[in-house]
Amino acid sequence: MEVYENIKNILNKLGIPFDEMEHPPVKTCDDSAKYRGEHGWKGIGSKNILFHAKAKFYLVVTTAEKEIKARRFKREFGTKNIRFATPDEVKEITGCEIGALPPFGYLNKMLPIYVDEDIFQHEHFMFNPAIHTKSIRIKTEDLKKIYISIDQPVKFFLIREGKTEFMDAKSVS
């Protein structure tokens, strides 16, 4: 519940309008999309993956329909050995369960966040705010404001023609 409250505090502190809905418990992007669609919500859904590499964890935020390959992050994370975090590691590092990882709002300020630039090609962004029974929708331009303002390491990434480019969020306007 702490992460959920932190998300709402961030949104309110930055004056970001948001929509919130309750729905039956969801564990997958497809289930979330189903309920959001039934309520007439339009936008891109969030997929948030916690990776483990070299005794560190990294959160990768992308669109719900995209498949993320760990190999794209080998050079950036400084290792060839990258794996998905276990459910226990996800809970310990983020305070959340798999299927409810939000794109921001973590109390662990040392957790680096990598955000897919393709998200910003859509008008609205939808995500579970650390709770399986809730969804939040914000404008993607507001999501960028959040990433620029939070006190946490954030990088944007862009995948084009098989290459991945990384940019510090604070240097992107």
Protein backbone atom coordinates (compact mmCIF):
# COMPACT_ATOMS: atom_id res chain seq x y z
CA MET A 1 0.00 0.00 0.00
CA GLU A 2 2.97 2.33 0.58
CA VAL A 3 3.94 2.33 -3.10
CA TYR A 4 0.33 3.05 -4.13
CA GLU A 5 0.18 6.00 -1.73
CA ASN A 6 3.56 7.23 -3.00
CA ILE A 7 2.29 7.13 -6.60
CA LYS A 8 -0.74 9.20 -5.68
CA ASN A 9 1.46 11.64 -3.72
CA ILE A 10 3.74 12.10 -6.75
CA LEU A 11 0.76 12.71 -9.05
CA ASN A 12 -0.85 15.18 -6.65
CA LYS A 13 2.42 16.99 -5.82
CA LEU A 14 3.10 17.55 -9.54
CA GLY A 15 -0.53 18.53 -10.21
CA ILE A 16 -0.97 15.69 -12.69
CA PRO A 17 -4.60 14.78 -13.42
CA PHE A 18 -5.33 11.06 -13.48
CA ASP A 19 -8.18 8.62 -13.80
CA GLU A 20 -8.45 5.67 -11.47
CA MET A 21 -10.63 2.57 -11.63
CA GLU A 22 -11.21 -0.53 -9.57
CA HIS A 23 -11.60 -3.91 -11.25
CA PRO A 24 -11.31 -7.61 -10.41
CA PRO A 25 -7.76 -8.77 -9.61
CA VAL A 26 -5.48 -8.96 -12.66
CA LYS A 27 -2.05 -10.55 -13.03
CA THR A 28 -1.31 -10.02 -16.73
CA CYS A 29 -1.19 -7.15 -19.22
CA ASP A 30 -3.96 -8.85 -21.25
CA ASP A 31 -6.28 -9.07 -18.24
CA SER A 32 -5.65 -5.41 -17.40
CA ALA A 33 -6.33 -4.39 -21.02
CA LYS A 34 -9.62 -6.28 -21.00
CA TYR A 35 -11.04 -4.40 -18.01
CA ARG A 36 -9.67 -1.05 -19.10
CA GLY A 37 -11.24 -1.54 -22.54
CA GLU A 38 -14.58 -2.51 -21.00
CA HIS A 39 -14.53 0.85 -19.19
CA GLY A 40 -13.78 2.74 -22.40
CA TRP A 41 -10.21 3.60 -21.50
CA LYS A 42 -7.95 4.18 -24.48
CA GLY A 43 -4.19 4.38 -24.42
CA ILE A 44 -1.16 2.17 -24.11
CA GLY A 45 -0.84 -0.30 -21.27
CA SER A 46 2.31 -0.68 -19.22
CA LYS A 47 4.60 -3.69 -18.92
CA ASN A 48 7.15 -3.35 -16.12
CA ILE A 49 9.90 -5.94 -15.74
CA LEU A 50 12.45 -6.23 -12.96
CA PHE A 51 15.81 -7.58 -14.14
CA HIS A 52 18.73 -8.82 -12.04
CA ALA A 53 22.29 -8.28 -13.30
CA LYS A 54 25.61 -8.17 -11.43
CA ALA A 55 24.04 -8.11 -7.96
CA LYS A 56 21.85 -5.13 -8.97
CA PHE A 57 18.25 -4.77 -10.04
CA TYR A 58 16.85 -2.69 -12.91
CA LEU A 59 13.25 -1.84 -13.78
CA VAL A 60 12.39 -1.76 -17.48
CA VAL A 61 9.15 0.02 -18.44
CA THR A 62 7.68 -0.64 -21.87
CA THR A 63 4.35 -1.08 -23.65
CA ALA A 64 2.13 -4.04 -22.80
CA GLU A 65 2.35 -5.64 -26.24
CA LYS A 66 6.14 -5.39 -26.57
CA GLU A 67 8.53 -8.21 -25.84
CA ILE A 68 11.74 -7.06 -24.18
CA LYS A 69 14.87 -9.08 -24.69
CA ALA A 70 17.42 -8.94 -21.87
CA ARG A 71 20.31 -9.02 -24.36
CA ARG A 72 19.49 -5.44 -25.40
CA PHE A 73 20.63 -4.29 -21.93
CA LYS A 74 23.88 -6.29 -21.56
CA ARG A 75 26.22 -3.42 -22.36
CA GLU A 76 24.18 -0.86 -20.39
CA PHE A 77 24.02 -3.12 -17.30
CA GLY A 78 27.68 -4.11 -17.72
CA THR A 79 27.20 -7.88 -17.84
CA LYS A 80 26.20 -10.79 -20.05
CA ASN A 81 24.34 -12.45 -17.19
CA ILE A 82 20.89 -10.90 -16.98
CA ARG A 83 17.79 -12.65 -15.68
CA PHE A 84 14.27 -11.87 -14.59
CA ALA A 85 13.96 -11.23 -10.86
CA THR A 86 12.22 -13.97 -8.91
CA PRO A 87 8.82 -13.24 -7.30
CA ASP A 88 10.53 -13.06 -3.89
CA GLU A 89 13.15 -10.61 -5.21
CA VAL A 90 10.43 -8.47 -6.81
CA LYS A 91 8.61 -8.25 -3.48
CA GLU A 92 11.79 -7.52 -1.52
CA ILE A 93 13.18 -4.87 -3.90
CA THR A 94 9.94 -3.09 -4.90
CA GLY A 95 7.41 -3.91 -2.19
CA CYS A 96 5.09 -5.12 -4.96
CA GLU A 97 3.94 -8.40 -6.43
CA ILE A 98 4.53 -9.51 -10.00
CA GLY A 99 1.65 -8.30 -12.12
CA ALA A 100 1.25 -5.08 -10.16
CA LEU A 101 4.66 -3.45 -10.67
CA PRO A 102 4.05 0.23 -11.39
CA PRO A 103 6.25 2.35 -13.69
CA PHE A 104 7.28 4.67 -10.81
CA GLY A 105 6.58 5.38 -7.14
CA TYR A 106 9.09 3.05 -5.51
CA LEU A 107 10.41 3.79 -2.04
CA ASN A 108 13.74 2.24 -3.12
CA LYS A 109 15.33 5.35 -4.67
CA MET A 110 18.38 3.38 -5.81
CA LEU A 111 16.37 1.27 -8.28
CA PRO A 112 17.33 2.42 -11.81
CA ILE A 113 14.40 2.76 -14.20
CA TYR A 114 14.70 2.31 -17.98
CA VAL A 115 11.75 3.66 -19.96
CA ASP A 116 10.88 2.77 -23.56
CA GLU A 117 10.58 5.96 -25.65
CA ASP A 118 7.82 4.28 -27.73
CA ILE A 119 5.46 4.88 -24.80
CA PHE A 120 5.48 8.59 -25.62
CA GLN A 121 4.00 7.97 -29.09
CA HIS A 122 0.60 7.46 -27.41
CA GLU A 123 -1.70 9.97 -25.74
CA HIS A 124 -2.48 8.02 -22.56
CA PHE A 125 -0.54 5.55 -20.42
CA MET A 126 -2.28 3.01 -18.16
CA PHE A 127 -0.81 0.96 -15.32
CA ASN A 128 -1.53 -0.97 -12.15
CA PRO A 129 -0.42 1.18 -9.19
CA ALA A 130 1.09 -1.64 -7.08
CA ILE A 131 -2.39 -3.10 -6.55
CA HIS A 132 -3.89 -5.89 -8.67
CA THR A 133 -7.40 -4.42 -8.40
CA LYS A 134 -6.71 -0.85 -9.55
CA SER A 135 -5.63 0.91 -12.72
CA ILE A 136 -4.49 4.48 -13.26
CA ARG A 137 -4.46 6.41 -16.53
CA ILE A 138 -2.37 9.52 -17.17
CA LYS A 139 -1.23 11.46 -20.23
CA THR A 140 2.11 10.26 -21.53
CA GLU A 141 3.44 13.83 -21.53
CA ASP A 142 2.79 13.82 -17.77
CA LEU A 143 4.62 10.51 -17.41
CA LYS A 144 7.71 12.17 -18.90
CA LYS A 145 7.36 15.01 -16.35
CA ILE A 146 7.28 12.43 -13.55
CA TYR A 147 10.46 10.73 -14.74
CA ILE A 148 12.27 14.04 -15.06
CA SER A 149 11.22 15.13 -11.56
CA ILE A 150 11.67 12.00 -9.43
CA ASP A 151 14.79 11.56 -7.32
CA GLN A 152 15.78 8.26 -8.90
CA PRO A 153 18.09 7.19 -11.75
CA VAL A 154 15.97 7.18 -14.95
CA LYS A 155 17.04 6.57 -18.54
CA PHE A 156 14.95 6.48 -21.69
CA PHE A 157 15.74 3.91 -24.35
CA LEU A 158 14.94 3.70 -28.02
CA ILE A 159 15.15 0.57 -30.16
CA ARG A 160 15.60 1.30 -33.86
CA GLU A 161 16.95 -0.92 -36.63
CA GLY A 162 18.13 -3.51 -34.11
CA LYS A 163 20.12 -1.04 -32.01
CA THR A 164 19.30 0.23 -28.52
CA GLU A 165 20.15 3.82 -27.59
CA PHE A 166 20.03 5.09 -23.98
CA MET A 167 19.50 8.71 -22.84
CA ASP A 168 19.47 10.20 -19.35
CA ALA A 169 15.88 11.33 -18.63
CA LYS A 170 17.02 14.60 -17.06
CA SER A 171 18.74 15.60 -20.32
CA VAL A 172 15.61 15.00 -22.43
CA SER A 173 12.96 17.71 -22.59
